Each structure stands twice: as structure tokens, then as C-alpha cells.
Amino acid sequence: MEVFEKGTVVLSAKYLSEIVKKSPDVIHVKLNENQSVTIKSNEIVMNLNGMHSGEYPKSSPNRWSWLF
């Protein structure tokens, strides 16, 4: 994974995992200013609405937390 700029956003794990499973190739993820995320893989372009990470409850230390 190559990170060009750090950022955080909360996304639906259900939708994100389905996109990753079905993507035919390398995935490029871009965090937009309005807390949405653009995901590109080959000619496929998808947009997911996210939530500001500061508005989401913190997970317990025993759980995995994925921030993009």
C-alpha cells in the first residue's frame, strides 16, 4: 500500500468489503473533502459516503479499527 496523504474517515465495512472482494485489480482510494471516498479499479469508479471519524464512537481497544 502506498499512502500519498494521511486522512481519516469512517466507511461502511459491508460496502467496502464487497467492493474489495469484487475488484478485478489494484484499488485506488481517495478521501474527498466532503467525507466521501472515491474508489477506482481499472475502469470501475465508485463513491461511498463516509462519516467524519471524530463523530464516530471510539471502538474498544480489543477491536480492530480501520481508518483511511
Protein backbone atom coordinates (compact mmCIF):
# COMPACT_ATOMS: atom_id res chain seq x y z
CA MET A 1 0.00 0.00 0.00
CA GLU A 2 1.26 3.46 -0.87
CA VAL A 3 -0.09 6.46 1.05
CA PHE A 4 0.24 9.90 -0.53
CA GLU A 5 -1.55 11.86 2.19
CA LYS A 6 -2.98 10.74 5.52
CA GLY A 7 -6.65 11.19 6.29
CA THR A 8 -9.41 9.58 8.32
CA VAL A 9 -12.99 8.68 7.51
CA VAL A 10 -15.48 6.08 8.74
CA LEU A 11 -16.94 3.87 5.99
CA SER A 12 -19.46 1.06 5.94
CA ALA A 13 -17.47 -2.14 6.38
CA LYS A 14 -20.16 -4.06 4.50
CA TYR A 15 -19.89 -1.97 1.33
CA LEU A 16 -16.12 -1.59 1.47
CA SER A 17 -15.52 -5.34 1.90
CA GLU A 18 -17.83 -6.16 -1.03
CA ILE A 19 -16.01 -3.67 -3.26
CA VAL A 20 -12.61 -5.09 -2.32
CA LYS A 21 -13.80 -8.68 -2.87
CA LYS A 22 -15.20 -7.95 -6.32
CA SER A 23 -12.49 -5.60 -7.61
CA PRO A 24 -10.59 -7.10 -10.53
CA ASP A 25 -7.28 -5.33 -9.92
CA VAL A 26 -5.44 -2.76 -7.83
CA ILE A 27 -7.67 -0.41 -5.84
CA HIS A 28 -7.04 3.33 -5.52
CA VAL A 29 -8.81 5.11 -2.66
CA LYS A 30 -9.17 8.89 -2.46
CA LEU A 31 -10.67 10.74 0.50
CA ASN A 32 -12.62 13.77 -0.74
CA GLU A 33 -13.19 16.99 1.20
CA ASN A 34 -16.86 16.22 1.90
CA GLN A 35 -16.04 12.95 3.76
CA SER A 36 -16.86 10.85 0.70
CA VAL A 37 -14.42 8.34 -0.74
CA THR A 38 -13.75 7.62 -4.42
CA ILE A 39 -12.61 4.07 -5.15
CA LYS A 40 -11.16 3.22 -8.56
CA SER A 41 -10.16 -0.13 -10.00
CA ASN A 42 -9.40 -0.29 -13.73
CA GLU A 43 -12.40 1.37 -15.40
CA ILE A 44 -14.68 1.00 -12.39
CA VAL A 45 -15.28 4.12 -10.27
CA MET A 46 -17.38 4.05 -7.10
CA ASN A 47 -18.22 6.66 -4.49
CA LEU A 48 -19.04 5.93 -0.86
CA ASN A 49 -20.36 8.45 1.62
CA GLY A 50 -18.42 8.44 4.84
CA MET A 51 -18.69 9.99 8.26
CA HIS A 52 -16.14 12.23 9.94
CA SER A 53 -14.08 10.00 12.23
CA GLY A 54 -14.47 12.43 15.13
CA GLU A 55 -18.25 11.91 15.06
CA TYR A 56 -17.98 8.13 15.34
CA PRO A 57 -17.77 6.42 18.74
CA LYS A 58 -14.34 5.08 19.61
CA SER A 59 -14.04 1.30 19.45
CA SER A 60 -12.86 -0.71 22.40
CA PRO A 61 -9.11 -1.49 22.48
CA ASN A 62 -9.85 -5.17 21.80
CA ARG A 63 -11.43 -4.50 18.38
CA TRP A 64 -9.84 -3.76 15.03
CA SER A 65 -10.28 -0.23 13.75
CA TRP A 66 -9.64 0.66 10.10
CA LEU A 67 -9.17 4.31 9.23
CA PHE A 68 -8.46 5.63 5.71
